Amino acid sequence: MPDFEEVKLKLRYGKASLNIPESPGYVLKAESAYGSIHYPHNEGINRIVDQTESSIWGVVGNNKNPKAKVSIDSKYGTVDIDN
């Protein structure tokens, strides 16, 4: 059972730091425009990055079907996700 069910972050012109453990895992969906998202790199994460926008999605952790979700929508900001 995860410690959380859902985290939603909408960020404009700022910085946010999230400390989320990999266990038991979560689904990550993050969008950024004119900013950056630093996240745990693993084989379950997909990303598309161009000059001004980035999309990151996938599963963080060893659980391939986690119930927990993390959604991020950032514009002109920086988001750091640590384990």
Protein backbone atom coordinates (compact mmCIF):
# COMPACT_ATOMS: atom_id res chain seq x y z
CA MET A 1 0.00 0.00 0.00
CA PRO A 2 1.56 3.36 -0.98
CA ASP A 3 2.07 6.18 1.48
CA PHE A 4 0.09 8.41 -0.90
CA GLU A 5 -2.44 8.03 -3.68
CA GLU A 6 -1.84 11.15 -5.76
CA VAL A 7 0.34 14.25 -5.87
CA LYS A 8 -0.56 17.07 -8.26
CA LEU A 9 1.78 20.03 -8.71
CA LYS A 10 1.03 23.09 -10.83
CA LEU A 11 3.98 25.47 -10.77
CA ARG A 12 4.41 28.89 -12.35
CA TYR A 13 7.59 30.99 -12.02
CA GLY A 14 9.07 29.14 -9.06
CA LYS A 15 10.97 26.16 -7.74
CA ALA A 16 9.62 23.03 -6.06
CA SER A 17 11.39 20.09 -4.46
CA LEU A 18 9.63 16.78 -3.88
CA ASN A 19 11.13 13.93 -1.85
CA ILE A 20 9.24 10.79 -2.86
CA PRO A 21 10.62 7.31 -2.09
CA GLU A 22 10.83 4.85 -5.00
CA SER A 23 9.22 2.12 -2.94
CA PRO A 24 6.47 1.02 -3.47
CA GLY A 25 6.59 3.00 -6.74
CA TYR A 26 4.48 5.55 -8.59
CA VAL A 27 3.41 6.63 -12.05
CA LEU A 28 5.07 9.90 -13.08
CA LYS A 29 3.61 12.27 -15.67
CA ALA A 30 5.36 15.63 -15.95
CA GLU A 31 5.17 18.50 -18.43
CA SER A 32 7.45 21.53 -18.42
CA ALA A 33 7.64 24.65 -20.58
CA TYR A 34 10.58 27.06 -20.28
CA GLY A 35 11.87 25.26 -17.19
CA SER A 36 13.34 21.97 -16.07
CA ILE A 37 12.38 18.80 -14.26
CA HIS A 38 15.03 16.72 -12.49
CA TYR A 39 13.77 13.23 -11.74
CA PRO A 40 14.97 9.71 -10.82
CA HIS A 41 16.46 8.17 -13.95
CA ASN A 42 15.57 4.55 -14.50
CA GLU A 43 14.57 2.27 -17.34
CA GLY A 44 10.84 2.80 -16.78
CA ILE A 45 10.97 6.53 -17.58
CA ASN A 46 10.33 7.98 -21.05
CA ARG A 47 11.08 11.53 -22.06
CA ILE A 48 10.78 13.94 -24.93
CA VAL A 49 12.82 17.13 -24.62
CA ASP A 50 13.10 19.97 -27.09
CA GLN A 51 14.40 23.51 -26.75
CA THR A 52 11.55 24.92 -24.63
CA GLU A 53 9.38 21.99 -23.53
CA SER A 54 9.78 18.56 -21.99
CA SER A 55 7.48 15.64 -21.29
CA ILE A 56 8.40 12.87 -18.87
CA TRP A 57 6.28 9.82 -18.13
CA GLY A 58 6.60 6.30 -16.82
CA VAL A 59 6.90 4.21 -13.68
CA VAL A 60 9.37 5.04 -10.91
CA GLY A 61 10.35 2.11 -8.69
CA ASN A 62 10.24 -1.66 -9.03
CA ASN A 63 6.45 -2.06 -8.91
CA LYS A 64 5.33 -2.27 -12.55
CA ASN A 65 1.71 -1.43 -11.74
CA PRO A 66 1.74 1.14 -8.91
CA LYS A 67 -1.43 2.77 -7.61
CA ALA A 68 0.21 6.08 -6.64
CA LYS A 69 0.43 8.92 -9.20
CA VAL A 70 2.54 12.07 -9.46
CA SER A 71 1.40 14.72 -11.98
CA ILE A 72 3.43 17.87 -12.65
CA ASP A 73 2.58 20.88 -14.82
CA SER A 74 5.35 23.49 -14.72
CA LYS A 75 5.89 26.71 -16.65
CA TYR A 76 8.95 28.91 -16.13
CA GLY A 77 9.96 26.85 -13.10
CA THR A 78 12.25 24.12 -11.82
CA VAL A 79 11.05 20.90 -10.21
CA ASP A 80 13.40 18.52 -8.39
CA ILE A 81 12.18 15.01 -7.53
CA ASP A 82 14.43 13.06 -5.17
CA ASN A 83 14.16 9.61 -3.61
